[in-house]
């Protein structure tokens, strides 16, 4: 199942998801969003869930389990994208930062979709 990788940390999609989570933490550490504790924490939880589920699924050792956790990570991306949209609409995020984060979410989502398709093909 590991396909030549020693660790989930070698997966490009995990690296991108980790970068997104770190970026979210930094952005939510200042400004109006940093003072809206409930909303800030929800955004952070969604962002952290993405690389965490990729890592957990990878370590489960089977394509079936990996796909299941990748699907959960995709759900977390949708959750995060929704929260970012709301944050932009209530002026917690400016358009430039929103666009940067939205693009990163879309990139990670596409990578996860490709990974699901590749792993699903192995189980046919």
Protein backbone atom coordinates (compact mmCIF):
# COMPACT_ATOMS: atom_id res chain seq x y z
CA UNK A 1 0.00 0.00 0.00
CA UNK A 2 2.83 2.43 0.79
CA UNK A 3 3.82 2.81 -2.89
CA UNK A 4 7.47 3.61 -2.23
CA UNK A 5 7.00 6.14 0.55
CA UNK A 6 8.52 5.60 3.97
CA UNK A 7 6.22 8.12 5.66
CA UNK A 8 3.07 10.12 5.07
CA UNK A 9 5.34 13.17 5.38
CA UNK A 10 6.69 12.37 1.91
CA UNK A 11 3.26 12.76 0.32
CA UNK A 12 3.06 16.06 -1.57
CA UNK A 13 -0.63 16.39 -0.67
CA UNK A 14 0.15 16.05 3.04
CA UNK A 15 2.88 18.71 2.70
CA UNK A 16 0.45 21.09 0.99
CA UNK A 17 -2.25 20.41 3.60
CA UNK A 18 0.22 21.04 6.42
CA UNK A 19 1.21 24.33 4.77
CA UNK A 20 -2.46 25.31 4.58
CA UNK A 21 -3.01 24.51 8.27
CA UNK A 22 0.03 26.56 9.31
CA UNK A 23 -1.13 29.44 7.10
CA UNK A 24 -4.61 29.31 8.67
CA UNK A 25 -3.11 29.44 12.16
CA UNK A 26 -1.01 32.47 11.29
CA UNK A 27 -3.89 34.31 9.63
CA UNK A 28 -6.26 33.63 12.52
CA UNK A 29 -3.75 34.90 15.08
CA UNK A 30 -4.47 38.56 14.40
CA UNK A 31 -7.28 40.86 13.40
CA UNK A 32 -11.01 40.50 14.03
CA UNK A 33 -10.95 36.77 13.38
CA UNK A 34 -8.49 36.23 16.24
CA UNK A 35 -11.03 37.70 18.67
CA UNK A 36 -13.99 35.61 17.46
CA UNK A 37 -12.85 32.59 19.45
CA UNK A 38 -15.54 30.12 18.41
CA UNK A 39 -15.24 30.88 14.71
CA UNK A 40 -11.44 31.01 14.84
CA UNK A 41 -11.25 27.65 16.60
CA UNK A 42 -13.67 26.04 14.15
CA UNK A 43 -11.60 27.22 11.19
CA UNK A 44 -8.43 25.94 12.82
CA UNK A 45 -9.98 22.53 13.58
CA UNK A 46 -11.12 22.13 9.97
CA UNK A 47 -7.67 23.09 8.65
CA UNK A 48 -5.84 20.73 11.01
CA UNK A 49 -8.21 17.91 10.15
CA UNK A 50 -7.00 17.82 6.55
CA UNK A 51 -3.34 16.78 7.02
CA UNK A 52 -4.26 14.79 10.12
CA UNK A 53 -6.69 12.58 8.22
CA UNK A 54 -4.24 12.12 5.35
CA UNK A 55 -1.61 10.95 7.85
CA UNK A 56 -3.97 8.70 9.78
CA UNK A 57 -5.34 7.07 6.65
CA UNK A 58 -1.86 6.48 5.28
CA UNK A 59 -0.77 4.77 8.47
CA UNK A 60 -3.80 2.46 8.45
CA UNK A 61 -1.94 0.43 5.83
CA UNK A 62 -4.68 -0.45 3.33
CA UNK A 63 -5.96 1.37 0.27
CA UNK A 64 -9.54 0.99 1.52
CA UNK A 65 -8.80 2.71 4.84
CA UNK A 66 -6.61 5.32 3.17
CA UNK A 67 -9.42 6.22 0.76
CA UNK A 68 -11.88 6.48 3.64
CA UNK A 69 -9.66 8.98 5.47
CA UNK A 70 -8.93 10.91 2.26
CA UNK A 71 -12.69 11.32 1.84
CA UNK A 72 -12.87 12.72 5.38
CA UNK A 73 -10.05 15.14 4.51
CA UNK A 74 -12.03 16.24 1.43
CA UNK A 75 -15.00 16.90 3.69
CA UNK A 76 -12.81 19.04 5.92
CA UNK A 77 -11.70 21.04 2.89
CA UNK A 78 -15.35 21.75 2.04
CA UNK A 79 -15.96 22.77 5.65
CA UNK A 80 -12.93 25.07 5.62
CA UNK A 81 -13.90 26.62 2.27
CA UNK A 82 -17.36 27.40 3.67
CA UNK A 83 -15.87 29.03 6.76
CA UNK A 84 -13.43 31.06 4.68
CA UNK A 85 -16.28 32.27 2.48
CA UNK A 86 -18.19 33.42 5.55
CA UNK A 87 -15.08 35.06 7.01
CA UNK A 88 -14.63 37.01 3.78
CA UNK A 89 -18.29 38.07 3.71
CA UNK A 90 -18.17 39.43 7.27
CA UNK A 91 -14.87 41.24 6.55
CA UNK A 92 -12.66 39.00 8.67
CA UNK A 93 -10.54 38.20 5.59
CA UNK A 94 -9.59 40.49 2.76
CA UNK A 95 -10.07 39.27 -0.81
CA UNK A 96 -6.38 38.66 -1.47
CA UNK A 97 -5.94 36.34 1.52
CA UNK A 98 -9.25 34.65 0.80
CA UNK A 99 -8.20 34.00 -2.83
CA UNK A 100 -4.84 32.59 -1.69
CA UNK A 101 -6.51 30.19 0.76
CA UNK A 102 -9.28 29.23 -1.67
CA UNK A 103 -6.69 28.40 -4.35
CA UNK A 104 -4.73 26.27 -1.90
CA UNK A 105 -7.90 24.44 -0.84
CA UNK A 106 -8.80 23.78 -4.48
CA UNK A 107 -5.30 22.51 -5.21
CA UNK A 108 -5.35 20.12 -2.26
CA UNK A 109 -8.86 18.96 -3.12
CA UNK A 110 -7.78 18.13 -6.68
CA UNK A 111 -4.74 16.25 -5.37
CA UNK A 112 -6.94 14.23 -3.03
CA UNK A 113 -9.36 13.38 -5.83
CA UNK A 114 -6.48 12.10 -7.97
CA UNK A 115 -5.19 10.07 -5.04
CA UNK A 116 -8.62 8.51 -4.48
CA UNK A 117 -8.89 7.58 -8.14
CA UNK A 118 -5.41 6.06 -8.19
CA UNK A 119 -5.98 4.03 -5.03
CA UNK A 120 -9.48 2.96 -6.14
CA UNK A 121 -8.02 1.66 -9.41
CA UNK A 122 -5.75 -0.60 -7.35
CA UNK A 123 -8.77 -2.27 -5.77
CA UNK A 124 -10.69 -3.15 -8.95
